[in-house]
Amino acid sequence: MVYHARQPSLWEGKEGKMAGLSEVVEAEIRYLEAMIARLEAGEEDPEDFRVYRLKNGIYGIRGRPEHHMIRIKLPVGRITPEGLRVLADVAEAYTENRLAHVTTRQAVQLHHVHRRDVPKVLRAVNAVGLTTREACGHSIRAITCCPYAGVSPEEPFDVTPYAERAYRYFLRHPVGQNLPRKFKVAFEGCATDHARTPIHDIGVVAAVEGGKRGFRIYVGGGLGAAPMSAELLEAFTPEEDLLPTMLAIIRLFDRYGNRKVLTQARLKFLVKKWGIAAFREAVREERRVVKLTASGADLEAWAPPEDYPPPRLPNPPRKPFSFAPGFDAWRRTNLFKQKQEGFYTVTVRLPLGDITPEGLRALAEIAETYAGEIRSAISQNFLLRFVPEEALGGLYEALLQAGLAHTDAHTLLDITRCPGADTCNLAITRSRGLAQALGEKLQALPLAQDPGVKAISVKISGCPNSCGQHPIADIGFYGSSRKVGDREVPHYVLLLGGRTREGEARFGQVVGRIPAHRVPEAVEAILQRYLGERQNGESFQAYLDRVGAASFKALLEQFQEIPPYAETPEFYQDLGAEGEAFSVQLGRGECAV
């Protein structure tokens, strides 16, 4: 397989090394090591350490100040088999739970890493083209890309080289080091909005005009407690103007974004305050200034990138079919037919978004045998691309042996969830526990095999901040609590009807608040009503549009009752924390900042 080696960002300087770590990266890690030594000796300001570690993707862990979560950015979702093996090594050696967690923004998180081991993890992942730099903080976060870019029959051209060029350009760029708030960018080439561009600060969508490549650019989207849909900035931005336009937007945000009120600091609030017409004119003027004052390095970086050559294709044993259990179901839900004749992209579904070191190593070996490329997806899964059709049976059997042949990718059972209160300081509930309980419930329901039900999306967040993307789910949940007597009871706020398409995000409507332990049966009731009332096989989204999400409020009232503690003490415990009395324990937020 051919993979593109990591290029240092423009801002690392020309001394960046192709093998090993660049001098800049090594200097950053050594500085971190020195800060840790001073902190443990009582000679370092904890706040200064916090600021530096966050800029390098190192988060605090709830209730464990000496342990951290490390967020590792996979450049535009791409990773090599060597990268998977390194993730396996560091997850095995340095995490307590021996898991890597794939996120909703194509990154990988390692939880419960002791502070003394953090520099070792950073050295290991940087050596294989990954980075933690600017994975947190008020910076330009991971630039995400449609995982089907380059293989989709729908796309006018592959946006991957453009997304990667933007990633390299803005990594360590001075403009992105102290923004008013975090800044998220997504690239999409398909008519289907796999990248969820309307919920990003900048959404970039491939377009062709008069035979010339360019982009439709959207600005001002975002989720959080006040979700907003991005608005169209330009219907066609020529490819050579892509980076100058992005830089102009970020410079305006840096200059005029709200630095006084954190909850009003995202770009979406600036776009709303000015109005899209005024913001559009400001971007055009700022872009003119950007281009007039460009350096030679800028001009070189702004040039349209060359298309990627196709990967060296695998030559696996020929076995197009398999008689192993589940093969037919896996073919129906986990395969995407590529525009390249005879090849498929295969989704490796990761329940709960988690994968073990053994799974990572097995996936690396399987990818080397059967695939041309590996990408992560915002569905919290991995994708194997350029898998020959004639090898699908062999691939399935290899995945089955490795415990990675889970069916039902991109269906009701492919539940999205954030880390929740297991590790996050802002979370109210343990979203992982609900995702597991709900998944088990749905797996056992015959009605979950109905095609219309299968197409429903479920997303769960542990708080209103939307890290699990609950506002854009058909069925979404976020954690809350309710006091019953002198005891707290974990609850989830239920939303119905969220979705995105290019240029539009429709956010779910709140229809009730359900005790955590009753959520699975409430979801079953929603699905039963949909099956009983739909007309002419209409989709769940079309059904909700017809009857209205609010019509479910009466149905859900029966699930809102809380029995006395003496009768059912488990109601007063969170899912995933059985045997522990539930109480809301909020700390200083980091993951959402």
Foldseek 3Di string as FASTA:
>chain_A
DDDDQADAFPVLDPQADSAAGGPVLVVLLVVLLVQVVCVVVVNHDVVVNQLSVQQFQWAAWPPDRQWTKHKKADQQFFAALLLLLLVLVCLVPFAPVQKWFQFLQNIIMGGGGGSNCVSVSQRSNVRRNMGSGRCFDQFEHHEHEQPCFPWAPAFPHGCSVVSNLLVSHRRVPVLGSHFLHYFYEYEYGGQFCQGQQQQGQWYWYWDADPNFTFTFIWHQAHFFLDGDTTATLDPTDGQLCVNLLVVLLSNCRRVDADNPDSVCGDVNNVCVVCPSVRSSVSSVVSSVVCVVPDDPSRSVSSPHDDDDDAFDAADADFALAAPPPPLVLQVVAFWDHTPPPQWIKGKQQDQQLMDGSLLSNLVNVLLNHFARTWGAGSLSIIIGTGGGNRCSRVSLVSCVVSVRSDGLPQWQLSEFEDCANSTFQAFQARRSLLNVVLSVLLVPDPLCPPPLRGNFYEFEYRARGCSRVQFQGQWYWYWDWDDDPNAIFIKIFIFHQWHDGPRDTHTTDTQDIAGSVLVNVLVVQVSVVCVVDDDPPDHSNVVCVVPPPNVCNVVCPVRRDDDDCVVPVQRQPGRVGPPDGRDGRHDDGISSD
